[in-house]
Amino acid sequence: MPRPFRFGVSLLSPTSGAEWRAKCRRAEQLGYDVILVPDHLGMPAPFPSLVAAAEATERPRLGTFVLNTGFWNPTLLAREVATTDALTGGRLELGLGTGYVEAEHEKAGLPWGSPGGRVDHLLRTVEELDRLLGSDDHQPRPAQRPRVPLLIGANGDRMLRITAEHGDIAAFTGARTVAGGKLEPLTAEELEERVGRYREFAAGRKEPAELNLLVQIVELTEDRAAAVRPWLGHLPNLSEEQVLRLPLVLVGTLEEIVDQVLAQRERYGFSYLTVLEPNMEVFAKVVEALQGR
């Protein structure tokens, strides 16, 4: 049996407290299962934003999507995680990634280092969080036991291996990092290869992880080709046909998008889909159509 769908929305825009709470209530009303906050300079700080989201809502889970582990000391992060989980009544899902924007590290006065060094730091962070938050002596204590669910964003082999070993949720952006800290979409075939590689690493797991995909473009339209043409200039290595086949592009009628999401769960295993805040309202129609499936 396929894993039931879950749907998350990543809220990006700083607002006043009243506006933030109203936005979170709206996400709950639209049927989203998870309210998420990223970890970028110029965007809301993740942990206080999630506590405010919990105060405004009752049902959704709350997650970081994803923390830039280069910003965080593992011991201090354990305090943040435990406190946030306690204050949200055990609704937290912790998302971690290595980070991909060098300019943010420079602005924060933090070392950027090498790709291998950033993966090393993420692994140390995961191991330290397990050690600290798994101890009965750690104060504060998280509400969830044995631990807060862990999502890891990964693409390269080493990160996929770490995700397979430690993650409750394996998150795929459907993109690779290229020079300048930009993301370049993977083709459908490349993404399938990456998911297949993850499954090789995860073959010995007792329980399969949930697979997440970040959806970048959502548009309800009768003319799929016309809808993606404005994006072609930003994706010079992909043809119009290739863009339309990208799993992170959901463009078409409601029926076409629902069929695509169902087909992608069958092909890749993606049952947990995340959309960005600008797509929250339009994607809600897909959420409604797929509730309970």
C-alpha atoms as a PDB file:
ATOM      1  CA  MET A   1       0.000   0.000   0.000  1.00  0.00           C
ATOM      2  CA  PRO A   2       1.362   3.481  -0.845  1.00  0.00           C
ATOM      3  CA  ARG A   3       1.996   5.846   2.038  1.00  0.00           C
ATOM      4  CA  PRO A   4      -0.850   8.382   2.421  1.00  0.00           C
ATOM      5  CA  PHE A   5      -0.174  11.888   1.191  1.00  0.00           C
ATOM      6  CA  ARG A   6       0.938  14.726   3.415  1.00  0.00           C
ATOM      7  CA  PHE A   7       1.183  18.307   2.226  1.00  0.00           C
ATOM      8  CA  GLY A   8       3.357  21.101   3.608  1.00  0.00           C
ATOM      9  CA  VAL A   9       3.729  24.801   2.895  1.00  0.00           C
ATOM     10  CA  SER A  10       6.979  26.707   3.447  1.00  0.00           C
ATOM     11  CA  LEU A  11       6.228  30.233   4.674  1.00  0.00           C
ATOM     12  CA  LEU A  12       8.858  32.691   3.503  1.00  0.00           C
ATOM     13  CA  SER A  13       7.731  36.263   4.136  1.00  0.00           C
ATOM     14  CA  PRO A  14       8.364  38.174   7.385  1.00  0.00           C
ATOM     15  CA  THR A  15       5.192  39.756   8.793  1.00  0.00           C
ATOM     16  CA  SER A  16       3.759  41.209  11.955  1.00  0.00           C
ATOM     17  CA  GLY A  17       2.649  38.777  14.639  1.00  0.00           C
ATOM     18  CA  ALA A  18      -1.030  39.154  13.748  1.00  0.00           C
ATOM     19  CA  GLU A  19      -0.368  38.649  10.039  1.00  0.00           C
ATOM     20  CA  TRP A  20       1.813  35.613  10.721  1.00  0.00           C
ATOM     21  CA  ARG A  21      -0.835  33.937  12.863  1.00  0.00           C
ATOM     22  CA  ALA A  22      -3.522  34.682  10.278  1.00  0.00           C
ATOM     23  CA  LYS A  23      -1.350  33.148   7.553  1.00  0.00           C
ATOM     24  CA  CYS A  24      -0.821  30.011   9.617  1.00  0.00           C
ATOM     25  CA  ARG A  25      -4.543  29.708  10.343  1.00  0.00           C
ATOM     26  CA  ARG A  26      -5.191  30.043   6.625  1.00  0.00           C
ATOM     27  CA  ALA A  27      -2.762  27.198   5.883  1.00  0.00           C
ATOM     28  CA  GLU A  28      -4.627  25.035   8.394  1.00  0.00           C
ATOM     29  CA  GLN A  29      -7.997  25.953   6.868  1.00  0.00           C
ATOM     30  CA  LEU A  30      -6.717  24.994   3.414  1.00  0.00           C
ATOM     31  CA  GLY A  31      -5.871  21.511   4.664  1.00  0.00           C
ATOM     32  CA  TYR A  32      -2.075  21.633   4.875  1.00  0.00           C
ATOM     33  CA  ASP A  33      -0.613  19.007   7.180  1.00  0.00           C
ATOM     34  CA  VAL A  34       2.670  20.778   7.933  1.00  0.00           C
ATOM     35  CA  ILE A  35       3.616  24.453   8.331  1.00  0.00           C
ATOM     36  CA  LEU A  36       7.294  24.932   7.526  1.00  0.00           C
ATOM     37  CA  VAL A  37       9.844  27.722   7.873  1.00  0.00           C
ATOM     38  CA  PRO A  38      13.201  27.874   6.012  1.00  0.00           C
ATOM     39  CA  ASP A  39      16.522  29.079   7.437  1.00  0.00           C
ATOM     40  CA  HIS A  40      17.710  31.965   5.275  1.00  0.00           C
ATOM     41  CA  LEU A  41      18.806  35.460   6.204  1.00  0.00           C
ATOM     42  CA  GLY A  42      16.078  37.964   5.418  1.00  0.00           C
ATOM     43  CA  MET A  43      13.332  35.431   6.191  1.00  0.00           C
ATOM     44  CA  PRO A  44      11.575  34.667   9.487  1.00  0.00           C
ATOM     45  CA  ALA A  45      13.651  33.043  12.245  1.00  0.00           C
ATOM     46  CA  PRO A  46      12.524  29.413  12.301  1.00  0.00           C
ATOM     47  CA  PHE A  47      11.939  28.510  15.947  1.00  0.00           C
ATOM     48  CA  PRO A  48       9.980  31.546  17.237  1.00  0.00           C
ATOM     49  CA  SER A  49       7.945  31.469  14.024  1.00  0.00           C
ATOM     50  CA  LEU A  50       6.983  27.838  14.643  1.00  0.00           C
ATOM     51  CA  VAL A  51       6.023  28.537  18.256  1.00  0.00           C
ATOM     52  CA  ALA A  52       3.750  31.356  17.036  1.00  0.00           C
ATOM     53  CA  ALA A  53       2.310  29.007  14.396  1.00  0.00           C
ATOM     54  CA  ALA A  54       1.491  26.464  17.102  1.00  0.00           C
ATOM     55  CA  GLU A  55      -0.338  29.087  19.143  1.00  0.00           C
ATOM     56  CA  ALA A  56      -2.460  30.015  16.118  1.00  0.00           C
ATOM     57  CA  THR A  57      -3.333  26.485  14.965  1.00  0.00           C
ATOM     58  CA  GLU A  58      -4.392  23.106  16.327  1.00  0.00           C
ATOM     59  CA  ARG A  59      -3.766  20.396  13.738  1.00  0.00           C
ATOM     60  CA  PRO A  60      -0.681  20.957  11.534  1.00  0.00           C
ATOM     61  CA  ARG A  61       2.757  19.630  12.317  1.00  0.00           C
ATOM     62  CA  LEU A  62       5.498  22.289  12.375  1.00  0.00           C
ATOM     63  CA  GLY A  63       8.878  21.979  10.719  1.00  0.00           C
ATOM     64  CA  THR A  64      12.150  23.609   9.766  1.00  0.00           C
ATOM     65  CA  PHE A  65      12.658  23.288   6.008  1.00  0.00           C
ATOM     66  CA  VAL A  66      15.553  23.109   6.343  1.00  0.00           C
ATOM     67  CA  LEU A  67      17.968  24.437   8.926  1.00  0.00           C
ATOM     68  CA  ASN A  68      21.330  25.461   7.532  1.00  0.00           C
ATOM     69  CA  THR A  69      23.446  23.410   9.941  1.00  0.00           C
ATOM     70  CA  GLY A  70      26.441  25.668   9.312  1.00  0.00           C
ATOM     71  CA  PHE A  71      24.567  28.359  11.271  1.00  0.00           C
ATOM     72  CA  TRP A  72      24.184  26.151  14.338  1.00  0.00           C
ATOM     73  CA  ASN A  73      26.223  24.810  17.214  1.00  0.00           C
ATOM     74  CA  PRO A  74      24.802  21.337  18.007  1.00  0.00           C
ATOM     75  CA  THR A  75      24.542  21.921  21.771  1.00  0.00           C
ATOM     76  CA  LEU A  76      22.717  25.222  21.349  1.00  0.00           C
ATOM     77  CA  LEU A  77      20.548  23.702  18.633  1.00  0.00           C
ATOM     78  CA  ALA A  78      19.527  20.892  20.997  1.00  0.00           C
ATOM     79  CA  ARG A  79      18.226  23.538  23.415  1.00  0.00           C
ATOM     80  CA  GLU A  80      16.225  25.221  20.644  1.00  0.00           C
ATOM     81  CA  VAL A  81      14.773  21.933  19.415  1.00  0.00           C
ATOM     82  CA  ALA A  82      13.785  20.702  22.862  1.00  0.00           C
ATOM     83  CA  THR A  83      12.223  24.015  23.864  1.00  0.00           C
ATOM     84  CA  THR A  84      10.308  24.380  20.609  1.00  0.00           C
ATOM     85  CA  ASP A  85       9.025  20.814  20.751  1.00  0.00           C
ATOM     86  CA  ALA A  86       7.846  21.339  24.329  1.00  0.00           C
ATOM     87  CA  LEU A  87       6.180  24.687  23.580  1.00  0.00           C
ATOM     88  CA  THR A  88       4.408  23.304  20.489  1.00  0.00           C
ATOM     89  CA  GLY A  89       3.057  20.253  22.302  1.00  0.00           C
ATOM     90  CA  GLY A  90       5.236  17.765  20.431  1.00  0.00           C
ATOM     91  CA  ARG A  91       4.371  18.966  16.933  1.00  0.00           C
ATOM     92  CA  LEU A  92       7.920  19.725  15.748  1.00  0.00           C
ATOM     93  CA  GLU A  93       9.626  18.025  12.797  1.00  0.00           C
ATOM     94  CA  LEU A  94      13.301  18.972  12.506  1.00  0.00           C
ATOM     95  CA  GLY A  95      14.624  19.474   8.983  1.00  0.00           C
ATOM     96  CA  LEU A  96      18.383  19.754   8.416  1.00  0.00           C
ATOM     97  CA  GLY A  97      20.536  20.503   5.371  1.00  0.00           C
ATOM     98  CA  THR A  98      24.129  21.516   4.683  1.00  0.00           C
ATOM     99  CA  GLY A  99      23.278  24.940   3.265  1.00  0.00           C
ATOM    100  CA  TYR A 100      24.134  26.092  -0.248  1.00  0.00           C
ATOM    101  CA  VAL A 101      24.391  29.924  -0.146  1.00  0.00           C
ATOM    102  CA  GLU A 102      27.958  31.043   0.552  1.00  0.00           C
ATOM    103  CA  ALA A 103      26.968  34.726   0.717  1.00  0.00           C
ATOM    104  CA  GLU A 104      24.778  34.058   3.757  1.00  0.00           C
ATOM    105  CA  HIS A 105      27.703  32.551   5.651  1.00  0.00           C
ATOM    106  CA  GLU A 106      29.871  35.534   4.748  1.00  0.00           C
ATOM    107  CA  LYS A 107      27.195  37.971   5.900  1.00  0.00           C
ATOM    108  CA  ALA A 108      26.833  36.096   9.190  1.00  0.00           C
ATOM    109  CA  GLY A 109      30.610  35.969   9.691  1.00  0.00           C
ATOM    110  CA  LEU A 110      30.600  32.174   9.638  1.00  0.00           C
ATOM    111  CA  PRO A 111      33.058  29.922   7.790  1.00  0.00           C
ATOM    112  CA  TRP A 112      31.834  28.439   4.516  1.00  0.00           C
ATOM    113  CA  GLY A 113      34.423  25.678   4.232  1.00  0.00           C
ATOM    114  CA  SER A 114      34.368  22.796   1.785  1.00  0.00           C
ATOM    115  CA  PRO A 115      31.419  20.627   0.687  1.00  0.00           C
ATOM    116  CA  GLY A 116      32.909  17.712   2.612  1.00  0.00           C
ATOM    117  CA  GLY A 117      33.338  19.859   5.695  1.00  0.00           C
ATOM    118  CA  ARG A 118      29.706  20.958   5.585  1.00  0.00           C
ATOM    119  CA  VAL A 119      28.568  17.340   5.354  1.00  0.00           C
ATOM    120  CA  ASP A 120      30.886  16.476   8.272  1.00  0.00           C
ATOM    121  CA  HIS A 121      29.255  19.205  10.354  1.00  0.00           C
ATOM    122  CA  LEU A 122      25.755  18.001   9.503  1.00  0.00           C
ATOM    123  CA  LEU A 123      26.628  14.449  10.518  1.00  0.00           C
ATOM    124  CA  ARG A 124      28.152  15.652  13.805  1.00  0.00           C
ATOM    125  CA  THR A 125      25.021  17.705  14.421  1.00  0.00           C
ATOM    126  CA  VAL A 126      22.734  14.717  13.863  1.00  0.00           C
ATOM    127  CA  GLU A 127      24.819  12.512  16.141  1.00  0.00           C
ATOM    128  CA  GLU A 128      25.033  15.143  18.881  1.00  0.00           C
ATOM    129  CA  LEU A 129      21.289  15.816  18.745  1.00  0.00           C
ATOM    130  CA  ASP A 130      20.623  12.101  19.120  1.00  0.00           C
ATOM    131  CA  ARG A 131      23.017  11.910  22.075  1.00  0.00           C
ATOM    132  CA  LEU A 132      21.817  15.032  23.863  1.00  0.00           C
ATOM    133  CA  LEU A 133      18.081  14.786  23.270  1.00  0.00           C
ATOM    134  CA  GLY A 134      18.092  11.046  23.876  1.00  0.00           C
ATOM    135  CA  SER A 135      19.476  11.562  27.379  1.00  0.00           C
ATOM    136  CA  ASP A 136      17.110  11.735  30.324  1.00  0.00           C
ATOM    137  CA  ASP A 137      19.524  14.230  31.878  1.00  0.00           C
ATOM    138  CA  HIS A 138      19.177  16.831  29.118  1.00  0.00           C
ATOM    139  CA  GLN A 139      17.265  19.958  30.049  1.00  0.00           C
ATOM    140  CA  PRO A 140      15.016  21.163  28.564  1.00  0.00           C
ATOM    141  CA  ARG A 141      13.414  17.916  27.403  1.00  0.00           C
ATOM    142  CA  PRO A 142      11.504  17.589  24.129  1.00  0.00           C
ATOM    143  CA  ALA A 143       7.896  16.415  24.275  1.00  0.00           C
ATOM    144  CA  GLN A 144       8.386  13.677  21.664  1.00  0.00           C
ATOM    145  CA  ARG A 145      10.146  10.459  22.564  1.00  0.00           C
ATOM    146  CA  PRO A 146      12.385   8.787  21.644  1.00  0.00           C
ATOM    147  CA  ARG A 147      13.130  11.866  19.511  1.00  0.00           C
ATOM    148  CA  VAL A 148      11.772  14.635  17.321  1.00  0.00           C
ATOM    149  CA  PRO A 149      11.244  13.287  13.757  1.00  0.00           C
ATOM    150  CA  LEU A 150      14.217  14.147  11.541  1.00  0.00           C
ATOM    151  CA  LEU A 151      14.020  15.283   7.915  1.00  0.00           C
ATOM    152  CA  ILE A 152      17.274  15.557   5.957  1.00  0.00           C
ATOM    153  CA  GLY A 153      17.595  17.289   2.602  1.00  0.00           C
ATOM    154  CA  ALA A 154      20.028  15.449   0.344  1.00  0.00           C
ATOM    155  CA  ASN A 155      21.174  14.918  -3.232  1.00  0.00           C
ATOM    156  CA  GLY A 156      24.794  13.677  -3.314  1.00  0.00           C
ATOM    157  CA  ASP A 157      25.742  10.109  -2.466  1.00  0.00           C
ATOM    158  CA  ARG A 158      27.234  10.828   0.950  1.00  0.00           C
ATOM    159  CA  MET A 159      24.239  12.884   2.064  1.00  0.00           C
ATOM    160  CA  LEU A 160      21.850  10.234   0.745  1.00  0.00           C
ATOM    161  CA  ARG A 161      23.714   7.637   2.780  1.00  0.00           C
ATOM    162  CA  ILE A 162      23.455   9.766   5.934  1.00  0.00           C
ATOM    163  CA  THR A 163      19.755  10.330   5.249  1.00  0.00           C
ATOM    164  CA  ALA A 164      19.185   6.610   4.795  1.00  0.00           C
ATOM    165  CA  GLU A 165      20.886   5.916   8.123  1.00  0.00           C
ATOM    166  CA  HIS A 166      19.429   8.707  10.256  1.00  0.00           C
ATOM    167  CA  GLY A 167      16.421  10.370   8.606  1.00  0.00           C
ATOM    168  CA  ASP A 168      12.745   9.702   9.246  1.00  0.00           C
ATOM    169  CA  ILE A 169      11.991  11.796   6.168  1.00  0.00           C
ATOM    170  CA  ALA A 170      14.194  11.956   3.058  1.00  0.00           C
ATOM    171  CA  ALA A 171      13.745  15.311   1.313  1.00  0.00           C
ATOM    172  CA  PHE A 172      14.581  15.835  -2.358  1.00  0.00           C
ATOM    173  CA  THR A 173      14.776  19.311  -3.900  1.00  0.00           C
ATOM    174  CA  GLY A 174      14.947  17.881  -7.409  1.00  0.00           C
ATOM    175  CA  ALA A 175      17.977  20.091  -8.033  1.00  0.00           C
ATOM    176  CA  ARG A 176      21.748  20.234  -7.739  1.00  0.00           C
ATOM    177  CA  THR A 177      23.876  23.112  -6.483  1.00  0.00           C
ATOM    178  CA  VAL A 178      25.992  24.818  -9.142  1.00  0.00           C
ATOM    179  CA  ALA A 179      28.533  27.654  -9.065  1.00  0.00           C
ATOM    180  CA  GLY A 180      27.391  30.761  -7.217  1.00  0.00           C
ATOM    181  CA  GLY A 181      25.066  28.876  -4.874  1.00  0.00           C
ATOM    182  CA  LYS A 182      22.318  28.492  -7.459  1.00  0.00           C
ATOM    183  CA  LEU A 183      20.108  25.450  -7.867  1.00  0.00           C
ATOM    184  CA  GLU A 184      19.849  23.679 -11.233  1.00  0.00           C
ATOM    185  CA  PRO A 185      16.879  21.320 -11.712  1.00  0.00           C
ATOM    186  CA  LEU A 186      17.488  17.630 -12.239  1.00  0.00           C
ATOM    187  CA  THR A 187      15.707  16.008 -15.146  1.00  0.00           C
ATOM    188  CA  ALA A 188      13.032  13.440 -14.331  1.00  0.00           C
ATOM    189  CA  GLU A 189      15.501  10.678 -15.158  1.00  0.00           C
ATOM    190  CA  GLU A 190      18.253  12.193 -13.000  1.00  0.00           C
ATOM    191  CA  LEU A 191      15.899  12.515 -10.050  1.00  0.00           C
ATOM    192  CA  GLU A 192      14.776   8.921 -10.487  1.00  0.00           C
ATOM    193  CA  GLU A 193      18.440   7.849 -10.369  1.00  0.00           C
ATOM    194  CA  ARG A 194      18.997   9.816  -7.145  1.00  0.00           C
ATOM    195  CA  VAL A 195      15.906   8.276  -5.507  1.00  0.00           C
ATOM    196  CA  GLY A 196      17.099   4.862  -6.638  1.00  0.00           C
ATOM    197  CA  ARG A 197      20.495   5.523  -5.111  1.00  0.00           C
ATOM    198  CA  TYR A 198      18.862   6.500  -1.833  1.00  0.00           C
ATOM    199  CA  ARG A 199      16.843   3.278  -1.859  1.00  0.00           C
ATOM    200  CA  GLU A 200      20.048   1.278  -2.244  1.00  0.00           C
ATOM    201  CA  PHE A 201      21.479   2.941   0.861  1.00  0.00           C
ATOM    202  CA  ALA A 202      18.199   2.504   2.756  1.00  0.00           C
ATOM    203  CA  ALA A 203      17.707  -1.164   1.895  1.00  0.00           C
ATOM    204  CA  GLY A 204      18.542  -2.332   5.424  1.00  0.00           C
ATOM    205  CA  ARG A 205      16.171   0.003   7.273  1.00  0.00           C
ATOM    206  CA  LYS A 206      13.622  -1.508   9.649  1.00  0.00           C
ATOM    207  CA  GLU A 207      11.040   1.119   8.700  1.00  0.00           C
ATOM    208  CA  PRO A 208      10.993   2.930   5.343  1.00  0.00           C
ATOM    209  CA  ALA A 209      11.390   6.692   5.464  1.00  0.00           C
ATOM    210  CA  GLU A 210       8.812   9.105   4.137  1.00  0.00           C
ATOM    211  CA  LEU A 211       9.945  10.708   0.849  1.00  0.00           C
ATOM    212  CA  ASN A 212       9.453  14.439   0.398  1.00  0.00           C
ATOM    213  CA  LEU A 213       9.649  16.601  -2.727  1.00  0.00           C
ATOM    214  CA  LEU A 214       9.813  20.408  -2.853  1.00  0.00           C
ATOM    215  CA  VAL A 215       7.515  21.580  -5.660  1.00  0.00           C
ATOM    216  CA  GLN A 216       8.690  24.849  -7.213  1.00  0.00           C
ATOM    217  CA  ILE A 217       6.014  25.751  -9.769  1.00  0.00           C
ATOM    218  CA  VAL A 218       2.240  25.253  -9.503  1.00  0.00           C
ATOM    219  CA  GLU A 219      -0.232  26.654 -12.025  1.00  0.00           C
ATOM    220  CA  LEU A 220      -3.764  25.641 -12.951  1.00  0.00           C
ATOM    221  CA  THR A 221      -4.153  26.130 -16.691  1.00  0.00           C
ATOM    222  CA  GLU A 222      -5.568  24.616 -19.860  1.00  0.00           C
ATOM    223  CA  ASP A 223      -2.346  25.433 -21.748  1.00  0.00           C
ATOM    224  CA  ARG A 224       0.619  23.727 -20.077  1.00  0.00           C
ATOM    225  CA  ALA A 225       3.172  24.787 -22.690  1.00  0.00           C
ATOM    226  CA  ALA A 226       2.269  28.472 -22.456  1.00  0.00           C
ATOM    227  CA  ALA A 227       2.472  28.327 -18.663  1.00  0.00           C
ATOM    228  CA  VAL A 228       6.098  27.146 -18.593  1.00  0.00           C
ATOM    229  CA  ARG A 229       7.468  29.315 -21.418  1.00  0.00           C
ATOM    230  CA  PRO A 230       8.243  32.261 -19.077  1.00  0.00           C
ATOM    231  CA  TRP A 231      10.441  29.890 -17.056  1.00  0.00           C
ATOM    232  CA  LEU A 232      12.509  28.639 -19.976  1.00  0.00           C
ATOM    233  CA  GLY A 233      14.905  31.577 -19.808  1.00  0.00           C
ATOM    234  CA  HIS A 234      15.779  30.579 -16.239  1.00  0.00           C
ATOM    235  CA  LEU A 235      16.308  26.937 -17.257  1.00  0.00           C
ATOM    236  CA  PRO A 236      18.582  27.198 -20.312  1.00  0.00           C
ATOM    237  CA  ASN A 237      19.686  23.561 -20.172  1.00  0.00           C
ATOM    238  CA  LEU A 238      16.159  22.165 -20.420  1.00  0.00           C
ATOM    239  CA  SER A 239      13.720  22.019 -23.304  1.00  0.00           C
ATOM    240  CA  GLU A 240      10.047  22.884 -22.921  1.00  0.00           C
ATOM    241  CA  GLU A 241       9.188  19.184 -22.915  1.00  0.00           C
ATOM    242  CA  GLN A 242      11.789  18.453 -20.230  1.00  0.00           C
ATOM    243  CA  VAL A 243      10.464  21.271 -18.023  1.00  0.00           C
ATOM    244  CA  LEU A 244       6.919  19.914 -18.305  1.00  0.00           C
ATOM    245  CA  ARG A 245       8.202  16.501 -17.197  1.00  0.00           C
ATOM    246  CA  LEU A 246       9.986  17.833 -14.106  1.00  0.00           C
ATOM    247  CA  PRO A 247       8.437  16.400 -10.939  1.00  0.00           C
ATOM    248  CA  LEU A 248       8.837  19.781  -9.222  1.00  0.00           C
ATOM    249  CA  VAL A 249       6.664  21.468 -11.878  1.00  0.00           C
ATOM    250  CA  LEU A 250       2.906  20.927 -11.491  1.00  0.00           C
ATOM    251  CA  VAL A 251       1.201  22.694 -14.374  1.00  0.00           C
ATOM    252  CA  GLY A 252      -2.128  21.833 -16.032  1.00  0.00           C
ATOM    253  CA  THR A 253      -5.765  21.317 -15.183  1.00  0.00           C
ATOM    254  CA  LEU A 254      -6.627  20.134 -11.695  1.00  0.00           C
ATOM    255  CA  GLU A 255      -7.247  16.639 -13.043  1.00  0.00           C
ATOM    256  CA  GLU A 256      -3.885  16.610 -14.850  1.00  0.00           C
ATOM    257  CA  ILE A 257      -1.999  17.736 -11.748  1.00  0.00           C
ATOM    258  CA  VAL A 258      -3.749  15.198  -9.518  1.00  0.00           C
ATOM    259  CA  ASP A 259      -2.889  12.455 -12.013  1.00  0.00           C
ATOM    260  CA  GLN A 260       0.741  13.659 -12.108  1.00  0.00           C
ATOM    261  CA  VAL A 261       1.057  13.655  -8.313  1.00  0.00           C
ATOM    262  CA  LEU A 262      -0.402  10.140  -8.115  1.00  0.00           C
ATOM    263  CA  ALA A 263       1.937   8.937 -10.871  1.00  0.00           C
ATOM    264  CA  GLN A 264       4.960  10.464  -9.112  1.00  0.00           C
ATOM    265  CA  ARG A 265       4.081   8.703  -5.881  1.00  0.00           C
ATOM    266  CA  GLU A 266       4.007   5.458  -7.845  1.00  0.00           C
ATOM    267  CA  ARG A 267       7.264   6.159  -9.736  1.00  0.00           C
ATOM    268  CA  TYR A 268       9.403   7.836  -7.074  1.00  0.00           C
ATOM    269  CA  GLY A 269       7.607   7.241  -3.785  1.00  0.00           C
ATOM    270  CA  PHE A 270       6.933  10.942  -3.069  1.00  0.00           C
ATOM    271  CA  SER A 271       4.020  11.021  -0.638  1.00  0.00           C
ATOM    272  CA  TYR A 272       4.954  14.233   1.205  1.00  0.00           C
ATOM    273  CA  LEU A 273       4.878  17.311  -1.026  1.00  0.00           C
ATOM    274  CA  THR A 274       5.943  20.804   0.002  1.00  0.00           C
ATOM    275  CA  VAL A 275       5.049  23.988  -1.854  1.00  0.00           C
ATOM    276  CA  LEU A 276       6.353  27.513  -1.376  1.00  0.00           C
ATOM    277  CA  GLU A 277       4.194  30.237   0.146  1.00  0.00           C
ATOM    278  CA  PRO A 278       3.280  31.949  -3.179  1.00  0.00           C
ATOM    279  CA  ASN A 279       1.675  28.671  -4.306  1.00  0.00           C
ATOM    280  CA  MET A 280      -0.245  28.008  -1.089  1.00  0.00           C
ATOM    281  CA  GLU A 281      -3.692  29.043  -2.344  1.00  0.00           C
ATOM    282  CA  VAL A 282      -3.572  27.445  -5.794  1.00  0.00           C
ATOM    283  CA  PHE A 283      -2.105  24.165  -4.550  1.00  0.00           C
ATOM    284  CA  ALA A 284      -4.843  23.928  -1.922  1.00  0.00           C
ATOM    285  CA  LYS A 285      -7.163  22.680  -4.667  1.00  0.00           C
ATOM    286  CA  VAL A 286      -4.799  19.737  -5.190  1.00  0.00           C
ATOM    287  CA  VAL A 287      -4.632  19.161  -1.423  1.00  0.00           C
ATOM    288  CA  GLU A 288      -8.441  19.003  -1.282  1.00  0.00           C
ATOM    289  CA  ALA A 289      -8.623  16.588  -4.234  1.00  0.00           C
ATOM    290  CA  LEU A 290      -6.087  14.213  -2.685  1.00  0.00           C
ATOM    291  CA  GLN A 291      -7.210  14.283   0.943  1.00  0.00           C
ATOM    292  CA  GLY A 292      -7.210  10.798   2.421  1.00  0.00           C
ATOM    293  CA  ARG A 293      -5.540   9.161  -0.600  1.00  0.00           C
END
